């Protein structure tokens, strides 16, 4: 059953009523088709109206929805084949970042992305998508492989940020993020990044410094979480909604600022309501961007990428 967010409670009540009526109809006790149709129409309209005017803080909640598609779902829905590669060849494996050789409609690419996990056990295993230095060093290794074999790089970003634990700092977290960002800038092959959920701080930028940056309609991308910003400015996370408004973290804001290049539409109600449709739409967008970048020579790719990021701000 779909998990409803706080602002979706009126929708939840209508849809619960629809389910109750359908169960009654299944029992054959009464014909309530007209009433069900009326309620479904009302619920659909309310859903559409609600999602057409989400505040930045509400979008942040949607971006974090536990039932949004995760990396493994994109692998299943976007790729024809995926061969995972593990380890950074220096310390170990980090399950927060997953990557490997893939084919998308027959086209070979290197696919890299954050994996948050879908239940308690997998979230703990993937550390909620918060990568450690070995995760970013693995990403660097895979990007260098892609460069060597002339394969485009596609990255899927969904992380609250890099892991801030003591052990990550001891192993050089900031250095690993910086070198991963540098590797993105130095690639002689196209790199396409998609912000599919949360794009949190350097943990996101490390694999999103791309020729083309796509962003799902209800995703967010920011230098710090709204709660973190509120805690710094107002000494309380209760002001997160105000921080989200001020930080301009939504796709529309970031497109106008030149931080992202394209907004990918989601199904009404967010990607969590129709994962298959959301994944199919993203796949088409990625293929279009890959086609657009394929005509560019290595020098052009480098110059375009660097000019794009130097122009921000």
Protein backbone atom coordinates (compact mmCIF):
# COMPACT_ATOMS: atom_id res chain seq x y z
CA UNK A 1 0.00 0.00 0.00
CA UNK A 2 1.25 3.48 -0.90
CA UNK A 3 2.68 5.57 1.92
CA UNK A 4 0.98 8.97 2.08
CA UNK A 5 2.82 12.15 3.01
CA UNK A 6 1.33 14.60 5.50
CA UNK A 7 0.05 17.00 2.85
CA UNK A 8 -1.61 14.07 1.02
CA UNK A 9 -4.04 13.25 3.85
CA UNK A 10 -7.16 14.58 2.03
CA UNK A 11 -6.20 12.44 -0.98
CA UNK A 12 -5.61 9.44 1.28
CA UNK A 13 -9.09 9.78 2.78
CA UNK A 14 -10.77 9.87 -0.62
CA UNK A 15 -8.78 6.92 -1.95
CA UNK A 16 -9.49 4.93 1.21
CA UNK A 17 -13.19 5.56 0.69
CA UNK A 18 -12.90 4.35 -2.92
CA UNK A 19 -11.23 1.12 -1.74
CA UNK A 20 -13.96 0.54 0.82
CA UNK A 21 -16.68 0.99 -1.75
CA UNK A 22 -14.95 -1.35 -4.20
CA UNK A 23 -14.70 -4.01 -1.52
CA UNK A 24 -18.42 -3.62 -0.90
CA UNK A 25 -19.09 -3.98 -4.64
CA UNK A 26 -16.93 -7.11 -4.77
CA UNK A 27 -19.17 -8.68 -2.16
CA UNK A 28 -22.08 -8.17 -4.54
CA UNK A 29 -24.17 -6.43 -1.92
CA UNK A 30 -24.78 -3.20 -3.81
CA UNK A 31 -24.02 -1.51 -7.13
CA UNK A 32 -21.97 1.57 -6.36
CA UNK A 33 -20.19 2.15 -9.69
CA UNK A 34 -21.51 5.69 -10.05
CA UNK A 35 -20.39 6.67 -6.55
CA UNK A 36 -16.97 5.04 -7.05
CA UNK A 37 -16.50 6.90 -10.34
CA UNK A 38 -17.46 10.18 -8.72
CA UNK A 39 -15.01 9.69 -5.84
CA UNK A 40 -12.20 8.55 -8.15
CA UNK A 41 -12.66 11.65 -10.27
CA UNK A 42 -12.61 13.84 -7.18
CA UNK A 43 -9.48 12.11 -5.85
CA UNK A 44 -7.73 12.40 -9.22
CA UNK A 45 -8.51 16.11 -9.46
CA UNK A 46 -7.35 16.72 -5.90
CA UNK A 47 -4.11 14.84 -6.57
CA UNK A 48 -3.47 16.85 -9.73
CA UNK A 49 -4.27 20.16 -8.01
CA UNK A 50 -2.09 19.32 -5.00
CA UNK A 51 0.94 18.37 -7.08
CA UNK A 52 0.60 21.37 -9.37
CA UNK A 53 1.38 23.74 -6.49
CA UNK A 54 3.78 21.93 -4.18
CA UNK A 55 5.95 24.11 -1.97
CA UNK A 56 9.74 23.49 -2.00
CA UNK A 57 9.47 21.73 1.38
CA UNK A 58 6.69 19.47 0.08
CA UNK A 59 8.86 18.66 -2.94
CA UNK A 60 11.65 17.71 -0.55
CA UNK A 61 9.29 15.25 1.12
CA UNK A 62 8.32 13.78 -2.26
CA UNK A 63 11.99 13.50 -3.28
CA UNK A 64 12.62 11.48 -0.11
CA UNK A 65 9.54 9.27 -0.45
CA UNK A 66 10.61 5.71 0.46
CA UNK A 67 8.68 4.23 -2.46
CA UNK A 68 10.30 6.28 -5.21
CA UNK A 69 12.32 4.14 -7.65
CA UNK A 70 15.83 3.25 -6.49
CA UNK A 71 18.97 2.49 -8.47
CA UNK A 72 18.15 -1.21 -8.82
CA UNK A 73 14.74 -0.26 -10.24
CA UNK A 74 16.37 1.96 -12.86
CA UNK A 75 18.76 -0.85 -13.74
CA UNK A 76 15.81 -3.19 -14.29
CA UNK A 77 13.75 -0.65 -16.24
CA UNK A 78 16.38 1.26 -18.23
CA UNK A 79 19.09 -1.25 -19.11
CA UNK A 80 19.13 -4.34 -21.33
CA UNK A 81 22.16 -5.65 -19.49
CA UNK A 82 24.07 -4.63 -16.37
CA UNK A 83 27.40 -6.01 -15.17
CA UNK A 84 28.18 -4.62 -11.68
CA UNK A 85 31.76 -3.83 -10.72
CA UNK A 86 32.82 -3.54 -7.09
CA UNK A 87 35.63 -2.12 -4.99
CA UNK A 88 37.93 0.88 -5.18
CA UNK A 89 41.17 -1.18 -5.34
CA UNK A 90 42.43 0.75 -2.32
CA UNK A 91 40.24 0.06 0.72
CA UNK A 92 37.11 -1.91 -0.08
CA UNK A 93 33.58 -1.96 -1.42
CA UNK A 94 30.94 0.69 -0.66
CA UNK A 95 27.36 -0.45 -1.42
CA UNK A 96 26.08 3.16 -1.24
CA UNK A 97 27.37 3.66 -4.79
CA UNK A 98 26.65 0.97 -7.37
CA UNK A 99 28.10 0.93 -10.86
CA UNK A 100 29.06 -1.17 -13.81
CA UNK A 101 28.91 -1.75 -17.55
CA UNK A 102 25.41 -1.49 -19.00
CA UNK A 103 23.50 -1.42 -22.27
CA UNK A 104 20.62 0.99 -22.85
CA UNK A 105 18.71 0.08 -26.00
CA UNK A 106 21.84 -1.68 -27.19
CA UNK A 107 24.12 1.27 -26.47
CA UNK A 108 27.03 0.50 -24.14
CA UNK A 109 27.53 2.89 -21.21
CA UNK A 110 29.04 3.00 -17.75
CA UNK A 111 26.15 3.36 -15.29
CA UNK A 112 26.89 4.68 -11.78
CA UNK A 113 24.48 5.77 -9.05
CA UNK A 114 23.52 5.98 -5.41
CA UNK A 115 21.44 3.20 -3.90
CA UNK A 116 19.45 4.05 -0.76
CA UNK A 117 17.77 0.68 -0.24
CA UNK A 118 14.07 -0.12 -0.01
CA UNK A 119 13.61 -1.70 3.43
CA UNK A 120 15.37 -1.55 6.78
CA UNK A 121 17.91 -4.27 6.01
CA UNK A 122 18.87 -2.91 2.57
CA UNK A 123 18.95 0.69 3.79
CA UNK A 124 21.43 -0.27 6.47
CA UNK A 125 23.47 -2.27 3.95
CA UNK A 126 23.58 0.67 1.52
CA UNK A 127 24.01 3.22 4.34
CA UNK A 128 20.93 5.13 3.11
CA UNK A 129 22.80 6.15 -0.04
CA UNK A 130 25.48 8.05 1.89
CA UNK A 131 28.77 7.09 0.30
CA UNK A 132 32.14 6.87 2.02
CA UNK A 133 35.51 7.67 0.38
CA UNK A 134 35.77 4.18 -1.07
CA UNK A 135 32.44 4.76 -2.83
CA UNK A 136 33.73 7.85 -4.62
CA UNK A 137 37.05 6.17 -5.38
CA UNK A 138 35.10 3.31 -6.93
CA UNK A 139 33.21 5.87 -9.03
CA UNK A 140 36.55 7.34 -10.14
CA UNK A 141 37.81 3.89 -11.10
CA UNK A 142 34.69 3.17 -13.16
CA UNK A 143 34.80 6.57 -14.88
CA UNK A 144 38.43 5.97 -15.86
CA UNK A 145 37.46 2.57 -17.27
CA UNK A 146 34.70 4.23 -19.29
CA UNK A 147 37.16 6.83 -20.58
CA UNK A 148 39.63 4.12 -21.58
CA UNK A 149 37.02 2.17 -23.54
CA UNK A 150 35.27 5.22 -24.99
CA UNK A 151 31.99 4.60 -23.18
CA UNK A 152 29.59 7.41 -22.17
CA UNK A 153 28.99 7.72 -18.43
CA UNK A 154 25.45 7.91 -17.03
CA UNK A 155 24.99 8.72 -13.33
CA UNK A 156 21.85 8.58 -11.20
CA UNK A 157 22.00 10.81 -8.14
CA UNK A 158 19.91 10.12 -5.03
CA UNK A 159 21.67 10.86 -1.76
CA UNK A 160 21.14 13.07 1.29
CA UNK A 161 24.90 13.68 1.12
CA UNK A 162 28.23 11.98 1.63
CA UNK A 163 28.58 10.01 4.88
CA UNK A 164 29.80 12.40 7.62
CA UNK A 165 31.13 9.75 10.04
CA UNK A 166 34.54 9.80 11.69
CA UNK A 167 35.82 6.79 9.74
CA UNK A 168 34.92 8.50 6.45
CA UNK A 169 36.87 11.59 7.46
CA UNK A 170 39.80 9.43 8.52
CA UNK A 171 39.88 7.84 5.06
CA UNK A 172 39.80 11.19 3.23
CA UNK A 173 36.18 11.96 2.45
CA UNK A 174 36.72 15.52 1.20
CA UNK A 175 39.68 14.48 -0.95
CA UNK A 176 37.71 11.61 -2.52
CA UNK A 177 34.77 13.88 -3.35
CA UNK A 178 37.08 16.49 -4.86
CA UNK A 179 38.91 13.92 -7.00
CA UNK A 180 35.64 12.40 -8.18
CA UNK A 181 34.41 15.85 -9.23
CA UNK A 182 37.75 16.45 -10.97
CA UNK A 183 37.43 13.12 -12.79
CA UNK A 184 33.99 14.13 -14.08
CA UNK A 185 35.48 17.34 -15.48
CA UNK A 186 38.39 15.51 -17.12
CA UNK A 187 36.40 12.81 -18.94
CA UNK A 188 36.86 12.74 -22.71
CA UNK A 189 33.56 10.89 -23.12
CA UNK A 190 30.04 12.28 -22.59
CA UNK A 191 28.69 12.22 -19.06
CA UNK A 192 24.95 12.53 -18.41
CA UNK A 193 23.72 12.95 -14.83
CA UNK A 194 20.15 12.63 -13.57
CA UNK A 195 18.98 13.87 -10.16
CA UNK A 196 16.27 11.29 -9.46
CA UNK A 197 15.57 12.00 -5.78
CA UNK A 198 17.76 13.95 -3.40
CA UNK A 199 20.88 15.68 -4.69
CA UNK A 200 22.65 16.45 -1.45
CA UNK A 201 25.78 18.63 -1.37
CA UNK A 202 29.19 17.38 -2.48
CA UNK A 203 27.96 13.82 -2.19
CA UNK A 204 25.83 14.53 -5.26
CA UNK A 205 28.14 16.88 -7.16
CA UNK A 206 30.91 14.25 -7.06
CA UNK A 207 29.11 12.21 -9.74
CA UNK A 208 26.89 14.94 -11.23
CA UNK A 209 29.44 17.28 -12.80
CA UNK A 210 28.18 16.40 -16.25
CA UNK A 211 27.75 17.70 -19.79
CA UNK A 212 24.01 17.47 -19.29
CA UNK A 213 22.27 17.41 -15.92
CA UNK A 214 18.69 16.14 -15.89
CA UNK A 215 16.38 16.46 -12.92
CA UNK A 216 13.10 14.81 -12.08
CA UNK A 217 10.21 17.25 -11.64
CA UNK A 218 9.87 16.61 -7.89
CA UNK A 219 13.55 15.98 -7.07
CA UNK A 220 15.66 18.43 -5.07
CA UNK A 221 19.29 19.54 -5.41
CA UNK A 222 21.01 21.62 -2.75
CA UNK A 223 24.27 22.43 -1.02
CA UNK A 224 22.81 21.36 2.35
CA UNK A 225 19.54 19.84 3.52
CA UNK A 226 16.74 22.27 4.46
CA UNK A 227 16.94 20.97 8.03
CA UNK A 228 20.69 21.56 8.14
CA UNK A 229 20.33 25.07 6.77
CA UNK A 230 17.58 25.88 9.27
CA UNK A 231 19.68 24.54 12.14
CA UNK A 232 22.52 26.88 11.16
CA UNK A 233 20.46 30.01 10.46
CA UNK A 234 17.67 29.70 13.03
CA UNK A 235 19.14 27.17 15.47
CA UNK A 236 16.17 24.86 14.88
CA UNK A 237 15.23 22.31 12.23
CA UNK A 238 11.60 23.41 12.65
CA UNK A 239 12.30 26.18 10.14
CA UNK A 240 13.14 23.67 7.39
CA UNK A 241 10.19 24.77 5.24
CA UNK A 242 11.43 28.38 5.32
CA UNK A 243 14.95 27.23 4.47
CA UNK A 244 13.71 25.14 1.54
CA UNK A 245 11.90 28.19 0.16
CA UNK A 246 14.96 30.41 0.45
CA UNK A 247 17.46 27.87 -0.90
CA UNK A 248 15.74 27.42 -4.30
CA UNK A 249 16.16 23.65 -4.34
CA UNK A 250 13.43 22.74 -6.86
CA UNK A 251 13.87 21.71 -10.48
CA UNK A 252 12.24 24.88 -11.84
CA UNK A 253 14.48 27.11 -9.74
CA UNK A 254 17.63 25.23 -10.70
CA UNK A 255 16.74 25.23 -14.38
CA UNK A 256 16.33 29.01 -14.29
CA UNK A 257 19.72 29.32 -12.55
CA UNK A 258 21.45 27.13 -15.12
CA UNK A 259 22.39 24.46 -12.58
CA UNK A 260 20.39 21.78 -14.41
CA UNK A 261 19.68 21.53 -18.12
CA UNK A 262 16.42 19.64 -18.38
CA UNK A 263 13.43 18.75 -16.22
CA UNK A 264 12.02 15.25 -16.62
CA UNK A 265 8.29 15.08 -15.94
CA UNK A 266 6.95 12.64 -13.37
CA UNK A 267 3.57 10.91 -13.30
CA UNK A 268 0.88 12.89 -11.49
CA UNK A 269 1.46 12.28 -7.81
CA UNK A 270 5.19 11.66 -8.19
CA UNK A 271 7.40 8.84 -9.42
CA UNK A 272 6.36 6.71 -6.45
CA UNK A 273 2.81 6.39 -7.84
CA UNK A 274 3.90 4.94 -11.19
CA UNK A 275 7.52 3.85 -11.11
CA UNK A 276 7.39 2.15 -14.51
CA UNK A 277 6.17 5.31 -16.25
CA UNK A 278 8.74 7.49 -14.46
CA UNK A 279 11.59 5.13 -15.38
CA UNK A 280 10.46 4.91 -19.02
CA UNK A 281 10.35 8.73 -19.28
CA UNK A 282 13.83 9.04 -17.80
CA UNK A 283 15.17 6.38 -20.17
CA UNK A 284 13.94 8.34 -23.18
CA UNK A 285 15.48 11.55 -21.83
CA UNK A 286 18.85 9.86 -21.24
CA UNK A 287 18.87 8.37 -24.75
CA UNK A 288 18.07 11.77 -26.26
CA UNK A 289 20.87 13.44 -24.33
CA UNK A 290 23.34 10.69 -25.23
CA UNK A 291 22.45 11.14 -28.89
CA UNK A 292 22.96 14.90 -28.60
CA UNK A 293 26.37 14.52 -26.98
CA UNK A 294 27.60 11.73 -29.26
CA UNK A 295 28.35 14.19 -32.09
CA UNK A 296 30.74 16.18 -29.89
CA UNK A 297 34.48 15.54 -30.01
CA UNK A 298 36.49 14.97 -26.79
CA UNK A 299 37.83 18.52 -26.78
CA UNK A 300 34.32 19.94 -27.25
CA UNK A 301 32.97 17.79 -24.42
CA UNK A 302 35.68 19.03 -22.06
CA UNK A 303 35.21 22.67 -23.01
CA UNK A 304 31.41 22.53 -22.82
CA UNK A 305 31.46 20.83 -19.42
CA UNK A 306 33.94 23.24 -17.87
CA UNK A 307 32.27 26.32 -19.34
CA UNK A 308 28.89 25.13 -18.02
CA UNK A 309 30.08 24.90 -14.43
CA UNK A 310 32.21 28.03 -14.52
CA UNK A 311 29.12 29.97 -15.65
CA UNK A 312 26.99 28.92 -12.67
CA UNK A 313 26.54 31.79 -10.23
